[in-house]
Amino acid sequence: MHPGKRYGLDYTPLFRFLLSRVGGHWDRIFSEAVSRLDRPDPLFWMVAIREDERKDIVRLGESSYFSGLYVDEKNHLQIVNPDLKAENMTPGCQCCTHTFNGVPFGQPAN
Protein backbone atom coordinates (compact mmCIF):
# COMPACT_ATOMS: atom_id res chain seq x y z
CA MET A 1 0.00 0.00 0.00
CA HIS A 2 1.14 3.51 -0.71
CA PRO A 3 0.41 6.22 1.85
CA GLY A 4 -1.96 8.86 0.52
CA LYS A 5 -3.18 6.74 -2.42
CA ARG A 6 -6.90 6.07 -2.73
CA TYR A 7 -7.91 2.97 -4.68
CA GLY A 8 -11.27 1.52 -5.67
CA LEU A 9 -13.22 4.77 -6.05
CA ASP A 10 -15.26 5.16 -9.23
CA TYR A 11 -16.02 8.76 -10.15
CA THR A 12 -17.65 7.92 -13.50
CA PRO A 13 -21.09 9.04 -12.25
CA LEU A 14 -19.56 12.42 -11.35
CA PHE A 15 -18.03 12.82 -14.80
CA ARG A 16 -21.33 11.96 -16.48
CA PHE A 17 -23.12 14.38 -14.16
CA LEU A 18 -20.73 17.16 -15.17
CA LEU A 19 -21.23 16.44 -18.87
CA SER A 20 -24.99 16.53 -18.39
CA ARG A 21 -24.75 19.99 -16.81
CA VAL A 22 -22.76 21.71 -19.60
CA GLY A 23 -24.17 25.20 -20.08
CA GLY A 24 -25.33 25.44 -16.48
CA HIS A 25 -24.16 27.88 -13.81
CA TRP A 26 -20.92 26.58 -12.25
CA ASP A 27 -21.71 27.63 -8.68
CA ARG A 28 -24.90 25.53 -8.65
CA ILE A 29 -23.21 22.59 -10.36
CA PHE A 30 -20.26 22.72 -7.97
CA SER A 31 -22.52 22.95 -4.92
CA GLU A 32 -24.63 19.97 -5.98
CA ALA A 33 -21.63 17.84 -6.88
CA VAL A 34 -19.47 18.61 -3.86
CA SER A 35 -22.36 17.80 -1.49
CA ARG A 36 -22.22 14.19 -2.74
CA LEU A 37 -18.45 13.72 -2.87
CA ASP A 38 -15.95 12.56 -0.30
CA ARG A 39 -13.67 15.41 -1.47
CA PRO A 40 -13.84 18.10 -4.19
CA ASP A 41 -10.59 17.16 -6.00
CA PRO A 42 -12.19 14.88 -8.65
CA LEU A 43 -14.21 17.81 -9.98
CA PHE A 44 -11.03 19.49 -11.09
CA TRP A 45 -9.67 16.42 -12.86
CA MET A 46 -12.14 17.30 -15.60
CA VAL A 47 -13.01 20.98 -15.04
CA ALA A 48 -10.46 23.75 -15.63
CA ILE A 49 -11.02 26.99 -13.79
CA ARG A 50 -8.05 28.83 -15.35
CA GLU A 51 -7.59 29.12 -19.11
CA ASP A 52 -4.07 27.66 -19.04
CA GLU A 53 -5.43 24.44 -17.46
CA ARG A 54 -7.87 23.63 -20.30
CA LYS A 55 -7.50 20.32 -22.12
CA ASP A 56 -9.54 18.98 -25.04
CA ILE A 57 -9.45 15.43 -23.66
CA VAL A 58 -8.95 14.24 -20.11
CA ARG A 59 -7.83 10.67 -19.40
CA LEU A 60 -9.46 9.37 -16.25
CA GLY A 61 -8.43 5.80 -15.71
CA GLU A 62 -6.70 3.18 -17.82
CA SER A 63 -8.73 3.67 -21.00
CA SER A 64 -11.51 6.12 -20.11
CA TYR A 65 -11.41 9.51 -21.78
CA PHE A 66 -13.73 12.44 -21.27
CA SER A 67 -14.20 15.87 -22.78
CA GLY A 68 -12.29 18.54 -20.96
CA LEU A 69 -14.54 21.14 -19.38
CA TYR A 70 -14.00 24.72 -18.28
CA VAL A 71 -15.79 27.56 -16.56
CA ASP A 72 -16.31 30.48 -18.93
CA GLU A 73 -16.27 34.21 -18.19
CA LYS A 74 -20.02 34.12 -17.40
CA ASN A 75 -19.42 31.33 -14.85
CA HIS A 76 -21.03 28.64 -17.01
CA LEU A 77 -19.68 25.13 -17.53
CA GLN A 78 -18.53 24.57 -21.12
CA ILE A 79 -16.80 21.84 -23.19
CA VAL A 80 -13.28 22.79 -24.30
CA ASN A 81 -13.68 21.16 -27.73
CA PRO A 82 -17.33 20.26 -28.44
CA ASP A 83 -16.45 18.86 -31.89
CA LEU A 84 -14.69 15.77 -30.48
CA LYS A 85 -16.62 12.52 -30.92
CA ALA A 86 -15.87 8.90 -30.00
CA GLU A 87 -16.09 7.75 -33.62
CA ASN A 88 -13.17 10.04 -34.52
CA MET A 89 -10.84 8.64 -31.85
CA THR A 90 -8.19 5.94 -32.16
CA PRO A 91 -7.26 3.69 -29.22
CA GLY A 92 -3.69 3.26 -28.05
CA CYS A 93 -4.07 -0.53 -28.11
CA GLN A 94 -6.56 -3.17 -29.25
CA CYS A 95 -6.58 -5.17 -26.02
CA CYS A 96 -8.66 -2.73 -23.94
CA THR A 97 -12.10 -1.26 -24.28
CA HIS A 98 -11.60 2.47 -24.69
CA THR A 99 -14.40 4.94 -24.05
CA PHE A 100 -14.91 8.62 -24.71
CA ASN A 101 -17.64 10.17 -22.57
CA GLY A 102 -18.89 6.64 -21.92
CA VAL A 103 -19.09 5.66 -25.62
CA PRO A 104 -16.78 2.78 -26.69
CA PHE A 105 -14.43 3.47 -29.57
CA GLY A 106 -11.87 1.57 -31.61
CA GLN A 107 -13.52 -1.83 -31.30
CA PRO A 108 -13.96 -3.92 -34.43
CA ALA A 109 -17.55 -4.28 -35.63
CA ASN A 110 -19.00 -7.75 -35.02
C-alpha atoms as a PDB file:
ATOM      1  CA  MET A   1       0.000   0.000   0.000  1.00  0.00           C
ATOM      2  CA  HIS A   2       1.143   3.511  -0.711  1.00  0.00           C
ATOM      3  CA  PRO A   3       0.411   6.216   1.846  1.00  0.00           C
ATOM      4  CA  GLY A   4      -1.960   8.858   0.524  1.00  0.00           C
ATOM      5  CA  LYS A   5      -3.181   6.741  -2.423  1.00  0.00           C
ATOM      6  CA  ARG A   6      -6.898   6.065  -2.725  1.00  0.00           C
ATOM      7  CA  TYR A   7      -7.913   2.971  -4.676  1.00  0.00           C
ATOM      8  CA  GLY A   8     -11.267   1.523  -5.673  1.00  0.00           C
ATOM      9  CA  LEU A   9     -13.220   4.772  -6.049  1.00  0.00           C
ATOM     10  CA  ASP A  10     -15.257   5.162  -9.233  1.00  0.00           C
ATOM     11  CA  TYR A  11     -16.021   8.757 -10.152  1.00  0.00           C
ATOM     12  CA  THR A  12     -17.648   7.919 -13.499  1.00  0.00           C
ATOM     13  CA  PRO A  13     -21.093   9.040 -12.251  1.00  0.00           C
ATOM     14  CA  LEU A  14     -19.562  12.422 -11.345  1.00  0.00           C
ATOM     15  CA  PHE A  15     -18.032  12.822 -14.802  1.00  0.00           C
ATOM     16  CA  ARG A  16     -21.326  11.963 -16.482  1.00  0.00           C
ATOM     17  CA  PHE A  17     -23.122  14.381 -14.155  1.00  0.00           C
ATOM     18  CA  LEU A  18     -20.728  17.159 -15.165  1.00  0.00           C
ATOM     19  CA  LEU A  19     -21.227  16.443 -18.867  1.00  0.00           C
ATOM     20  CA  SER A  20     -24.993  16.533 -18.392  1.00  0.00           C
ATOM     21  CA  ARG A  21     -24.746  19.992 -16.812  1.00  0.00           C
ATOM     22  CA  VAL A  22     -22.762  21.706 -19.602  1.00  0.00           C
ATOM     23  CA  GLY A  23     -24.170  25.195 -20.084  1.00  0.00           C
ATOM     24  CA  GLY A  24     -25.325  25.444 -16.479  1.00  0.00           C
ATOM     25  CA  HIS A  25     -24.161  27.876 -13.807  1.00  0.00           C
ATOM     26  CA  TRP A  26     -20.921  26.580 -12.254  1.00  0.00           C
ATOM     27  CA  ASP A  27     -21.711  27.634  -8.679  1.00  0.00           C
ATOM     28  CA  ARG A  28     -24.897  25.535  -8.655  1.00  0.00           C
ATOM     29  CA  ILE A  29     -23.211  22.585 -10.363  1.00  0.00           C
ATOM     30  CA  PHE A  30     -20.260  22.716  -7.968  1.00  0.00           C
ATOM     31  CA  SER A  31     -22.521  22.955  -4.919  1.00  0.00           C
ATOM     32  CA  GLU A  32     -24.629  19.967  -5.978  1.00  0.00           C
ATOM     33  CA  ALA A  33     -21.628  17.836  -6.883  1.00  0.00           C
ATOM     34  CA  VAL A  34     -19.467  18.606  -3.858  1.00  0.00           C
ATOM     35  CA  SER A  35     -22.355  17.799  -1.494  1.00  0.00           C
ATOM     36  CA  ARG A  36     -22.224  14.189  -2.745  1.00  0.00           C
ATOM     37  CA  LEU A  37     -18.454  13.719  -2.870  1.00  0.00           C
ATOM     38  CA  ASP A  38     -15.945  12.557  -0.300  1.00  0.00           C
ATOM     39  CA  ARG A  39     -13.665  15.410  -1.470  1.00  0.00           C
ATOM     40  CA  PRO A  40     -13.842  18.099  -4.194  1.00  0.00           C
ATOM     41  CA  ASP A  41     -10.587  17.162  -6.005  1.00  0.00           C
ATOM     42  CA  PRO A  42     -12.188  14.877  -8.652  1.00  0.00           C
ATOM     43  CA  LEU A  43     -14.214  17.806  -9.985  1.00  0.00           C
ATOM     44  CA  PHE A  44     -11.028  19.493 -11.088  1.00  0.00           C
ATOM     45  CA  TRP A  45      -9.666  16.423 -12.863  1.00  0.00           C
ATOM     46  CA  MET A  46     -12.137  17.303 -15.598  1.00  0.00           C
ATOM     47  CA  VAL A  47     -13.005  20.982 -15.043  1.00  0.00           C
ATOM     48  CA  ALA A  48     -10.459  23.748 -15.626  1.00  0.00           C
ATOM     49  CA  ILE A  49     -11.015  26.992 -13.788  1.00  0.00           C
ATOM     50  CA  ARG A  50      -8.052  28.825 -15.352  1.00  0.00           C
ATOM     51  CA  GLU A  51      -7.592  29.120 -19.108  1.00  0.00           C
ATOM     52  CA  ASP A  52      -4.069  27.663 -19.040  1.00  0.00           C
ATOM     53  CA  GLU A  53      -5.430  24.443 -17.459  1.00  0.00           C
ATOM     54  CA  ARG A  54      -7.866  23.633 -20.297  1.00  0.00           C
ATOM     55  CA  LYS A  55      -7.500  20.316 -22.122  1.00  0.00           C
ATOM     56  CA  ASP A  56      -9.536  18.980 -25.039  1.00  0.00           C
ATOM     57  CA  ILE A  57      -9.448  15.433 -23.662  1.00  0.00           C
ATOM     58  CA  VAL A  58      -8.946  14.239 -20.106  1.00  0.00           C
ATOM     59  CA  ARG A  59      -7.829  10.675 -19.403  1.00  0.00           C
ATOM     60  CA  LEU A  60      -9.463   9.373 -16.250  1.00  0.00           C
ATOM     61  CA  GLY A  61      -8.427   5.796 -15.708  1.00  0.00           C
ATOM     62  CA  GLU A  62      -6.697   3.184 -17.818  1.00  0.00           C
ATOM     63  CA  SER A  63      -8.728   3.666 -20.998  1.00  0.00           C
ATOM     64  CA  SER A  64     -11.507   6.124 -20.111  1.00  0.00           C
ATOM     65  CA  TYR A  65     -11.412   9.506 -21.780  1.00  0.00           C
ATOM     66  CA  PHE A  66     -13.733  12.445 -21.271  1.00  0.00           C
ATOM     67  CA  SER A  67     -14.203  15.873 -22.783  1.00  0.00           C
ATOM     68  CA  GLY A  68     -12.286  18.540 -20.956  1.00  0.00           C
ATOM     69  CA  LEU A  69     -14.541  21.139 -19.375  1.00  0.00           C
ATOM     70  CA  TYR A  70     -13.998  24.721 -18.284  1.00  0.00           C
ATOM     71  CA  VAL A  71     -15.791  27.558 -16.556  1.00  0.00           C
ATOM     72  CA  ASP A  72     -16.312  30.483 -18.925  1.00  0.00           C
ATOM     73  CA  GLU A  73     -16.272  34.209 -18.188  1.00  0.00           C
ATOM     74  CA  LYS A  74     -20.021  34.120 -17.399  1.00  0.00           C
ATOM     75  CA  ASN A  75     -19.418  31.330 -14.850  1.00  0.00           C
ATOM     76  CA  HIS A  76     -21.031  28.639 -17.012  1.00  0.00           C
ATOM     77  CA  LEU A  77     -19.676  25.133 -17.528  1.00  0.00           C
ATOM     78  CA  GLN A  78     -18.528  24.567 -21.124  1.00  0.00           C
ATOM     79  CA  ILE A  79     -16.803  21.841 -23.195  1.00  0.00           C
ATOM     80  CA  VAL A  80     -13.283  22.791 -24.296  1.00  0.00           C
ATOM     81  CA  ASN A  81     -13.679  21.159 -27.732  1.00  0.00           C
ATOM     82  CA  PRO A  82     -17.327  20.264 -28.438  1.00  0.00           C
ATOM     83  CA  ASP A  83     -16.446  18.860 -31.891  1.00  0.00           C
ATOM     84  CA  LEU A  84     -14.686  15.768 -30.475  1.00  0.00           C
ATOM     85  CA  LYS A  85     -16.621  12.520 -30.924  1.00  0.00           C
ATOM     86  CA  ALA A  86     -15.874   8.899 -30.003  1.00  0.00           C
ATOM     87  CA  GLU A  87     -16.091   7.750 -33.621  1.00  0.00           C
ATOM     88  CA  ASN A  88     -13.166  10.037 -34.520  1.00  0.00           C
ATOM     89  CA  MET A  89     -10.845   8.643 -31.855  1.00  0.00           C
ATOM     90  CA  THR A  90      -8.187   5.940 -32.155  1.00  0.00           C
ATOM     91  CA  PRO A  91      -7.260   3.692 -29.217  1.00  0.00           C
ATOM     92  CA  GLY A  92      -3.688   3.261 -28.049  1.00  0.00           C
ATOM     93  CA  CYS A  93      -4.075  -0.528 -28.112  1.00  0.00           C
ATOM     94  CA  GLN A  94      -6.560  -3.167 -29.248  1.00  0.00           C
ATOM     95  CA  CYS A  95      -6.575  -5.169 -26.025  1.00  0.00           C
ATOM     96  CA  CYS A  96      -8.665  -2.726 -23.943  1.00  0.00           C
ATOM     97  CA  THR A  97     -12.104  -1.260 -24.275  1.00  0.00           C
ATOM     98  CA  HIS A  98     -11.605   2.469 -24.693  1.00  0.00           C
ATOM     99  CA  THR A  99     -14.397   4.940 -24.049  1.00  0.00           C
ATOM    100  CA  PHE A 100     -14.911   8.621 -24.714  1.00  0.00           C
ATOM    101  CA  ASN A 101     -17.641  10.168 -22.575  1.00  0.00           C
ATOM    102  CA  GLY A 102     -18.890   6.639 -21.923  1.00  0.00           C
ATOM    103  CA  VAL A 103     -19.086   5.657 -25.618  1.00  0.00           C
ATOM    104  CA  PRO A 104     -16.780   2.777 -26.690  1.00  0.00           C
ATOM    105  CA  PHE A 105     -14.425   3.465 -29.571  1.00  0.00           C
ATOM    106  CA  GLY A 106     -11.870   1.574 -31.611  1.00  0.00           C
ATOM    107  CA  GLN A 107     -13.523  -1.829 -31.295  1.00  0.00           C
ATOM    108  CA  PRO A 108     -13.964  -3.917 -34.433  1.00  0.00           C
ATOM    109  CA  ALA A 109     -17.548  -4.276 -35.631  1.00  0.00           C
ATOM    110  CA  ASN A 110     -18.997  -7.748 -35.018  1.00  0.00           C
END
